[in-house]
Amino acid sequence: MSTVSNLSSSVRARYQSKYAEAVQRRRLYDLFAMPFDGGNKETMQRSSSAVMPFLSDMTIGTSAISETVDITPQNLRDTTASITPTSRGDALQDSEKLLLEAYTDYAAKRYEVLGNNMIASLETLCIASALAGSNVIRSRARASLDAGTTTDYLIDKEFYKAANMLKELGCPQIQQDGSNAPVGYIAAMHPDVYVDLLGTGLIDDIAVNLDKGIWLNGALGALNGFQLIVSPFAKVFGGAGAANTTSLGDADTLSAAANALAASISITTGTNAGSGRYLTIGTEETGSTFYPMNERVNHISGTTTSVIVGSGPNGGLKYDHASGTIVKNCDSVYPVLFGGPSSLAKIYASDVGEFGEIVGPKATGLADQFVSLAWKWYGAYAIMNQNWLVRGEYSSSLDNI
């Protein structure tokens, strides 16, 4: 007779598909990364870092060949860039009794939770590289970008500016399947900044006169050779823009710790907590140091005790926050990443895989009474060529309330 015990691999494979689905659903900045192929992967993953060499071009010849003096050979220059692998992993542990008595689909659901956690962790690594590039276009300093100023919005001309810059700097484009013909680049953005793009310039004219589906469906698809990727998982610099006319003070913080799933937070003064579109909880991201546990929540009511709605599973907070954590309601800033599918380099251990692997379920304890399930990954992301990425930074009219 076939039972779960002698067909355990089939049951586990079904659960692992939930892990894989969660991974693919949340992929965003990883789409800009090309696996770094500097040689044999098994040799490379035994090293502390992988190095990519670069060789300069020759200068252009501007002199006629002499009939009496030999040509002076040129000297080339070289340099290198490196990518250093690191490790990531996390785990869940449950009692055997819980898994035996659970009447929900928890046993399967935890694979999906692990998949979400894994790709969010890898995306955090990727963001730290992708959005730290030196090629930046914006109308003014990040802290001054204003939701009430139209010149700070994302418009169609930004795509022409970014495309021309990437082409001139030699960024590789997407290659058409079956040929070497370049077909364009990728642009990743949050929906809040995408809405301003739909209402500007040539796009607005086309939507009104030729294709109303752009407006009705919110679907543009491509612009000036960029494939548009619009995702709520795109990075937002919450509260990093201009202050509202009435806003929380710079010293406003959580006056008490707030745990994940909490539906309210305690703020030191709470004055003007209701202004602005969101409250951002966490350290303001003023430069290229990012804080993945920052989150934006909607203030519903209250002052020093703010009733909130957040992105946690129950509509509360998604993460734990310590007492003293900064709370701001300034305008948010939305980065748009322009580049190609090889703008970033990534390296990973081939025996673990590009998106990590599941470890377990594994029974532990003297009576095997605990069941652990984990994921692990070894690798890294890096910008190897600063001229292959452009980061735009914009405000959103949706925050102008």
Protein backbone atom coordinates (compact mmCIF):
# COMPACT_ATOMS: atom_id res chain seq x y z
CA MET A 1 0.00 0.00 0.00
CA SER A 2 1.25 3.51 -0.86
CA THR A 3 1.26 5.84 2.14
CA VAL A 4 2.58 9.28 3.05
CA SER A 5 5.56 7.62 4.70
CA ASN A 6 6.78 5.80 1.59
CA LEU A 7 5.86 8.64 -0.78
CA SER A 8 7.14 11.47 1.38
CA SER A 9 9.10 13.03 -1.49
CA SER A 10 5.91 13.65 -3.44
CA VAL A 11 4.29 15.42 -0.51
CA ARG A 12 7.38 17.52 0.10
CA ALA A 13 7.68 18.42 -3.60
CA ARG A 14 4.13 19.74 -3.54
CA TYR A 15 4.93 21.92 -0.56
CA GLN A 16 8.21 23.12 -2.10
CA SER A 17 6.28 24.39 -5.11
CA LYS A 18 4.69 26.92 -2.75
CA TYR A 19 8.20 28.06 -1.81
CA ALA A 20 9.10 28.47 -5.50
CA GLU A 21 5.86 30.34 -6.27
CA ALA A 22 6.51 32.81 -3.45
CA VAL A 23 10.06 33.38 -4.72
CA GLN A 24 8.98 34.23 -8.26
CA ARG A 25 6.05 36.38 -7.15
CA ARG A 26 8.26 38.83 -5.26
CA ARG A 27 11.28 39.00 -7.60
CA LEU A 28 11.98 42.56 -8.73
CA TYR A 29 15.48 44.00 -8.44
CA ASP A 30 16.99 40.57 -9.07
CA LEU A 31 15.75 40.99 -12.68
CA PHE A 32 18.61 43.47 -13.20
CA ALA A 33 21.23 40.91 -12.14
CA MET A 34 23.24 38.61 -14.39
CA PRO A 35 25.04 35.61 -12.86
CA PHE A 36 28.73 36.40 -12.68
CA ASP A 37 30.57 33.78 -14.74
CA GLY A 38 34.21 34.38 -13.99
CA GLY A 39 35.16 30.75 -14.39
CA ASN A 40 34.40 27.48 -12.72
CA LYS A 41 31.68 28.08 -10.12
CA GLU A 42 32.95 25.33 -7.83
CA THR A 43 36.39 26.98 -7.75
CA MET A 44 34.90 30.44 -7.40
CA GLN A 45 32.67 29.58 -4.44
CA ARG A 46 35.71 28.35 -2.51
CA SER A 47 37.19 31.85 -2.70
CA SER A 48 36.50 34.87 -0.52
CA SER A 49 35.65 37.02 -3.57
CA ALA A 50 35.40 36.95 -7.35
CA VAL A 51 37.21 39.54 -9.46
CA MET A 52 36.18 40.97 -12.81
CA PRO A 53 38.98 42.61 -14.84
CA PHE A 54 38.46 45.65 -17.07
CA LEU A 55 40.73 46.77 -19.90
CA SER A 56 40.81 50.30 -21.29
CA ASP A 57 40.14 51.15 -24.93
CA MET A 58 42.85 52.38 -27.26
CA THR A 59 42.96 56.08 -28.02
CA ILE A 60 41.76 57.12 -31.47
CA GLY A 61 44.45 57.33 -34.12
CA THR A 62 44.73 60.89 -35.48
CA SER A 63 48.18 60.88 -37.13
CA ALA A 64 49.29 59.72 -40.57
CA ILE A 65 51.74 56.81 -40.72
CA SER A 66 55.29 58.13 -40.97
CA GLU A 67 57.53 56.99 -43.80
CA THR A 68 60.65 57.18 -41.59
CA VAL A 69 59.57 56.67 -37.97
CA ASP A 70 57.88 53.57 -36.62
CA ILE A 71 54.43 53.68 -34.96
CA THR A 72 54.58 54.15 -31.19
CA PRO A 73 52.55 51.35 -29.61
CA GLN A 74 49.91 52.33 -27.07
CA ASN A 75 49.85 51.30 -23.44
CA LEU A 76 46.51 50.03 -22.15
CA ARG A 77 45.21 50.49 -18.61
CA ASP A 78 43.45 47.89 -16.51
CA THR A 79 41.46 47.72 -13.31
CA THR A 80 39.26 45.27 -11.46
CA ALA A 81 36.00 45.12 -9.55
CA SER A 82 35.18 42.43 -7.03
CA ILE A 83 32.09 40.75 -5.63
CA THR A 84 32.27 39.13 -2.20
CA PRO A 85 29.82 36.32 -1.38
CA THR A 86 27.99 36.25 1.92
CA SER A 87 25.44 33.90 3.48
CA ARG A 88 21.79 34.26 4.36
CA GLY A 89 19.29 31.92 5.95
CA ASP A 90 16.41 31.63 8.39
CA ALA A 91 14.22 28.96 9.90
CA LEU A 92 10.95 27.98 11.50
CA GLN A 93 10.58 25.42 14.25
CA ASP A 94 7.33 23.77 15.30
CA SER A 95 6.34 21.11 17.76
CA GLU A 96 5.46 17.76 16.30
CA LYS A 97 2.19 17.92 18.23
CA LEU A 98 1.21 21.15 16.44
CA LEU A 99 1.76 19.59 13.01
CA LEU A 100 -0.16 16.47 14.01
CA GLU A 101 -3.17 18.37 15.36
CA ALA A 102 -3.28 21.43 13.07
CA TYR A 103 -6.56 21.54 11.16
CA THR A 104 -5.40 24.37 8.87
CA ASP A 105 -2.95 24.14 5.94
CA TYR A 106 -0.14 25.39 8.16
CA ALA A 107 2.25 22.60 7.14
CA ALA A 108 2.04 23.78 3.52
CA LYS A 109 1.71 27.49 4.30
CA ARG A 110 5.07 27.65 6.09
CA TYR A 111 6.83 26.82 2.80
CA GLU A 112 5.23 29.90 1.26
CA VAL A 113 6.21 31.99 4.29
CA LEU A 114 9.80 30.78 3.95
CA GLY A 115 9.80 31.58 0.23
CA ASN A 116 8.58 35.11 0.91
CA ASN A 117 11.21 35.55 3.61
CA MET A 118 13.99 34.23 1.38
CA ILE A 119 13.28 36.46 -1.62
CA ALA A 120 12.67 39.50 0.62
CA SER A 121 16.07 38.86 2.22
CA LEU A 122 17.78 38.49 -1.17
CA GLU A 123 15.98 41.55 -2.53
CA THR A 124 17.31 43.51 0.45
CA LEU A 125 20.84 42.50 -0.52
CA CYS A 126 20.12 43.36 -4.14
CA ILE A 127 18.60 46.76 -3.26
CA ALA A 128 21.69 47.67 -1.23
CA SER A 129 23.69 47.39 -4.47
CA ALA A 130 21.14 48.40 -7.11
CA LEU A 131 20.06 51.67 -5.48
CA ALA A 132 23.52 52.72 -4.29
CA GLY A 133 24.83 53.61 -7.73
CA SER A 134 26.44 56.98 -8.42
CA ASN A 135 24.41 57.76 -11.58
CA VAL A 136 21.43 59.70 -10.17
CA ILE A 137 18.88 61.95 -11.89
CA ARG A 138 16.48 64.09 -9.85
CA SER A 139 15.24 67.66 -9.91
CA ARG A 140 16.81 68.53 -6.53
CA ALA A 141 18.06 66.97 -3.31
CA ARG A 142 16.10 63.99 -2.00
CA ALA A 143 15.04 65.79 1.19
CA SER A 144 13.47 68.58 -0.90
CA LEU A 145 11.41 66.46 -3.31
CA ASP A 146 7.85 67.70 -2.82
CA ALA A 147 4.56 65.90 -3.53
CA GLY A 148 3.00 69.26 -4.32
CA THR A 149 5.54 70.22 -7.00
CA THR A 150 4.92 68.88 -10.50
CA THR A 151 8.55 69.29 -11.57
CA ASP A 152 9.47 66.64 -9.00
CA TYR A 153 7.19 64.01 -10.62
CA LEU A 154 8.15 61.16 -12.94
CA ILE A 155 7.34 62.20 -16.53
CA ASP A 156 7.96 60.69 -19.95
CA LYS A 157 11.07 62.79 -20.61
CA GLU A 158 12.86 61.06 -17.73
CA PHE A 159 12.83 57.86 -19.78
CA TYR A 160 14.44 59.58 -22.75
CA LYS A 161 17.03 61.10 -20.44
CA ALA A 162 17.82 57.73 -18.83
CA ALA A 163 17.81 55.78 -22.12
CA ASN A 164 20.16 58.21 -23.83
CA MET A 165 22.49 58.12 -20.82
CA LEU A 166 22.55 54.29 -20.72
CA LYS A 167 23.15 54.03 -24.47
CA GLU A 168 25.92 56.58 -24.45
CA LEU A 169 27.58 54.89 -21.47
CA GLY A 170 27.41 51.50 -23.16
CA CYS A 171 24.93 49.63 -20.96
CA PRO A 172 23.98 46.27 -22.58
CA GLN A 173 20.34 46.02 -23.60
CA ILE A 174 17.87 43.14 -23.49
CA GLN A 175 18.64 40.74 -26.32
CA GLN A 176 15.82 39.52 -28.54
CA ASP A 177 15.30 35.76 -28.32
CA GLY A 178 17.20 33.91 -31.04
CA SER A 179 19.23 36.95 -32.14
CA ASN A 180 21.73 39.50 -30.92
CA ALA A 181 19.41 42.43 -31.67
CA PRO A 182 19.10 44.80 -28.68
CA VAL A 183 15.50 45.59 -27.79
CA GLY A 184 15.78 47.97 -24.84
CA TYR A 185 16.07 48.24 -21.09
CA ILE A 186 14.11 47.71 -17.84
CA ALA A 187 12.59 50.31 -15.52
CA ALA A 188 11.31 49.26 -12.09
CA MET A 189 9.07 51.52 -10.03
CA HIS A 190 6.36 51.71 -7.35
CA PRO A 191 2.71 52.22 -8.44
CA ASP A 192 2.58 55.57 -6.59
CA VAL A 193 5.07 57.13 -8.99
CA TYR A 194 3.73 55.31 -12.05
CA VAL A 195 0.41 57.16 -11.79
CA ASP A 196 2.12 60.48 -12.53
CA LEU A 197 3.78 59.02 -15.61
CA LEU A 198 0.38 58.07 -17.05
CA GLY A 199 -0.85 61.64 -16.88
CA THR A 200 2.03 63.46 -18.51
CA GLY A 201 2.95 64.72 -21.96
CA LEU A 202 2.75 62.40 -24.93
CA ILE A 203 1.33 59.49 -22.89
CA ASP A 204 -1.67 61.54 -21.84
CA ASP A 205 -2.30 62.60 -25.45
CA ILE A 206 -2.18 59.00 -26.66
CA ALA A 207 -4.44 57.81 -23.84
CA VAL A 208 -7.04 60.48 -24.55
CA ASN A 209 -7.03 60.31 -28.35
CA LEU A 210 -5.86 56.83 -29.37
CA ASP A 211 -5.76 54.22 -26.64
CA LYS A 212 -8.01 54.84 -23.64
CA GLY A 213 -6.98 51.42 -22.30
CA ILE A 214 -3.78 53.02 -21.02
CA TRP A 215 -5.92 54.98 -18.57
CA LEU A 216 -8.72 52.48 -18.00
CA ASN A 217 -6.40 49.53 -17.36
CA GLY A 218 -3.46 51.46 -15.94
CA ALA A 219 -1.30 49.56 -18.41
CA LEU A 220 1.45 51.24 -20.40
CA GLY A 221 3.83 48.30 -20.78
CA ALA A 222 6.79 50.03 -22.41
CA LEU A 223 8.15 53.51 -23.02
CA ASN A 224 11.11 54.57 -25.16
CA GLY A 225 12.53 51.05 -25.14
CA PHE A 226 12.03 50.43 -21.41
CA GLN A 227 9.97 47.47 -20.26
CA LEU A 228 8.05 48.90 -17.31
CA ILE A 229 7.89 46.81 -14.14
CA VAL A 230 5.41 48.34 -11.71
CA SER A 231 5.34 46.58 -8.35
CA PRO A 232 4.23 47.34 -4.79
CA PHE A 233 7.45 45.60 -3.72
CA ALA A 234 9.55 48.40 -5.26
CA LYS A 235 11.65 50.33 -2.77
CA VAL A 236 10.23 53.53 -1.26
CA PHE A 237 12.23 56.04 0.78
CA GLY A 238 9.41 56.63 3.24
CA GLY A 239 9.26 60.13 4.75
CA ALA A 240 12.57 61.09 3.10
CA GLY A 241 11.15 64.00 1.06
CA ALA A 242 9.86 67.47 1.88
CA ALA A 243 8.01 68.11 5.13
CA ASN A 244 4.29 68.88 5.06
CA THR A 245 3.09 72.32 6.13
CA THR A 246 1.95 70.62 9.33
CA SER A 247 3.99 67.57 10.18
CA LEU A 248 5.41 65.59 13.06
CA GLY A 249 8.55 67.11 14.53
CA ASP A 250 11.96 65.70 13.68
CA ALA A 251 12.26 64.38 17.23
CA ASP A 252 9.01 62.39 17.19
CA THR A 253 9.63 58.76 18.06
CA LEU A 254 7.82 55.71 19.39
CA SER A 255 7.35 56.24 23.10
CA ALA A 256 6.91 52.49 23.59
CA ALA A 257 7.91 49.38 21.69
CA ALA A 258 5.44 48.26 19.04
CA ASN A 259 5.17 44.61 18.05
CA ALA A 260 4.28 43.10 14.69
CA LEU A 261 0.48 42.90 14.16
CA ALA A 262 -0.15 45.81 16.57
CA ALA A 263 -3.01 48.04 15.37
CA SER A 264 -1.79 51.17 17.18
CA ILE A 265 1.48 52.88 18.04
CA SER A 266 2.51 55.31 20.80
CA ILE A 267 4.17 58.56 19.60
CA THR A 268 6.05 60.95 21.88
CA THR A 269 4.12 64.12 20.96
CA GLY A 270 1.74 63.07 18.21
CA THR A 271 1.17 66.68 17.14
CA ASN A 272 0.06 66.73 13.48
CA ALA A 273 0.17 62.93 13.27
CA GLY A 274 -2.84 63.08 10.96
CA SER A 275 -1.14 65.19 8.28
CA GLY A 276 0.47 63.63 5.24
CA ARG A 277 -0.50 60.39 3.56
CA TYR A 278 1.55 57.92 5.60
CA LEU A 279 3.46 57.62 8.83
CA THR A 280 6.88 56.10 8.22
CA ILE A 281 8.32 54.13 11.12
CA GLY A 282 12.09 53.75 10.98
CA THR A 283 15.33 55.60 10.29
CA GLU A 284 15.12 58.10 7.44
CA GLU A 285 17.02 56.89 4.38
CA THR A 286 18.99 59.98 3.42
CA GLY A 287 21.73 58.25 1.42
CA SER A 288 22.62 54.76 0.25
CA THR A 289 22.23 53.05 3.63
CA PHE A 290 18.85 51.35 3.63
CA TYR A 291 16.73 50.01 6.47
CA PRO A 292 14.60 47.06 5.31
CA MET A 293 12.47 47.05 8.48
CA ASN A 294 11.13 50.55 7.79
CA GLU A 295 7.42 50.52 7.05
CA ARG A 296 4.71 52.96 6.08
CA VAL A 297 1.33 52.86 7.82
CA ASN A 298 -1.89 54.79 7.43
CA HIS A 299 -2.82 56.94 10.44
CA ILE A 300 -6.53 56.54 11.24
CA SER A 301 -7.06 58.52 14.44
CA GLY A 302 -5.50 59.71 17.66
CA THR A 303 -2.43 61.76 18.57
CA THR A 304 0.01 60.24 21.05
CA THR A 305 -1.78 56.93 20.51
CA SER A 306 -2.11 56.54 16.76
CA VAL A 307 -4.56 53.94 15.47
CA ILE A 308 -3.00 52.65 12.26
CA VAL A 309 -3.59 50.36 9.31
CA GLY A 310 -0.46 48.66 8.01
CA SER A 311 0.72 45.86 5.75
CA GLY A 312 0.82 43.18 8.43
CA PRO A 313 -1.27 40.04 7.83
CA ASN A 314 -4.02 41.39 10.12
CA GLY A 315 -3.81 44.99 8.88
CA GLY A 316 -1.45 46.01 11.67
CA LEU A 317 2.32 46.39 11.78
CA LYS A 318 4.48 44.08 9.68
CA TYR A 319 7.57 44.22 11.91
CA ASP A 320 8.58 44.79 15.53
CA HIS A 321 9.83 48.31 16.33
CA ALA A 322 11.76 49.36 19.43
CA SER A 323 10.92 52.30 21.66
CA GLY A 324 12.69 55.41 20.36
CA THR A 325 12.28 54.48 16.67
CA ILE A 326 11.73 57.59 14.51
CA VAL A 327 8.21 58.33 13.23
CA LYS A 328 7.81 60.78 10.31
CA ASN A 329 5.05 61.88 7.95
CA CYS A 330 7.05 63.85 5.39
CA ASP A 331 6.52 63.17 1.68
CA SER A 332 7.95 59.90 0.43
CA VAL A 333 10.55 59.62 -2.32
CA TYR A 334 10.22 56.96 -5.01
CA PRO A 335 13.36 55.64 -6.73
CA VAL A 336 13.02 54.38 -10.29
CA LEU A 337 15.78 52.02 -11.40
CA PHE A 338 16.74 52.20 -15.08
CA GLY A 339 19.06 49.54 -16.49
CA GLY A 340 19.40 46.24 -18.29
CA PRO A 341 19.37 42.54 -17.36
CA SER A 342 23.13 42.60 -16.72
CA SER A 343 23.38 45.93 -14.90
CA LEU A 344 24.15 44.06 -11.69
CA ALA A 345 26.35 41.05 -11.14
CA LYS A 346 25.41 38.24 -8.81
CA ILE A 347 27.22 35.17 -7.62
CA TYR A 348 25.76 32.14 -5.89
CA ALA A 349 26.83 28.71 -4.77
CA SER A 350 25.70 26.33 -7.49
CA ASP A 351 25.06 23.45 -5.10
CA VAL A 352 22.58 25.60 -3.12
CA GLY A 353 21.03 27.33 -6.11
CA GLU A 354 20.22 30.78 -7.45
CA PHE A 355 17.29 31.22 -5.06
CA GLY A 356 18.50 29.12 -2.17
CA GLU A 357 17.26 25.78 -1.01
CA ILE A 358 14.93 24.33 1.60
CA VAL A 359 16.56 22.42 4.44
CA GLY A 360 14.26 19.94 6.14
CA PRO A 361 11.76 19.23 7.51
CA LYS A 362 14.17 17.98 10.13
CA ALA A 363 13.18 16.34 13.40
CA THR A 364 15.20 17.28 16.49
CA GLY A 365 14.99 16.65 20.22
CA LEU A 366 15.50 13.47 22.17
CA ALA A 367 12.07 12.23 21.07
CA ASP A 368 12.09 13.98 17.63
CA GLN A 369 9.40 16.20 19.06
CA PHE A 370 10.47 19.37 17.22
CA VAL A 371 10.31 19.85 13.46
CA SER A 372 12.54 22.48 11.84
CA LEU A 373 12.28 23.92 8.35
CA ALA A 374 14.84 26.39 6.99
CA TRP A 375 16.19 28.04 3.86
CA LYS A 376 19.77 28.98 3.09
CA TRP A 377 21.63 30.83 0.35
CA TYR A 378 25.23 31.75 -0.41
CA GLY A 379 26.08 34.56 -2.78
CA ALA A 380 26.18 38.31 -3.36
CA TYR A 381 25.10 41.17 -5.61
CA ALA A 382 27.30 44.04 -6.77
CA ILE A 383 27.50 46.89 -9.26
CA MET A 384 30.47 46.01 -11.42
CA ASN A 385 29.94 48.92 -13.85
CA GLN A 386 28.60 52.22 -12.49
CA ASN A 387 27.74 53.23 -16.07
CA TRP A 388 25.20 50.41 -16.46
CA LEU A 389 22.60 51.75 -14.01
CA VAL A 390 20.71 55.02 -13.58
CA ARG A 391 18.59 55.81 -10.51
CA GLY A 392 15.88 58.42 -10.75
CA GLU A 393 14.24 59.85 -7.61
CA TYR A 394 10.77 61.44 -7.63
CA SER A 395 7.87 62.52 -5.46
CA SER A 396 4.29 61.37 -6.09
CA SER A 397 1.18 63.48 -6.51
CA LEU A 398 -0.70 60.86 -4.50
CA ASP A 399 1.12 62.08 -1.38
CA ASN A 400 -0.15 65.64 -1.98
CA ILE A 401 -3.11 65.47 0.41
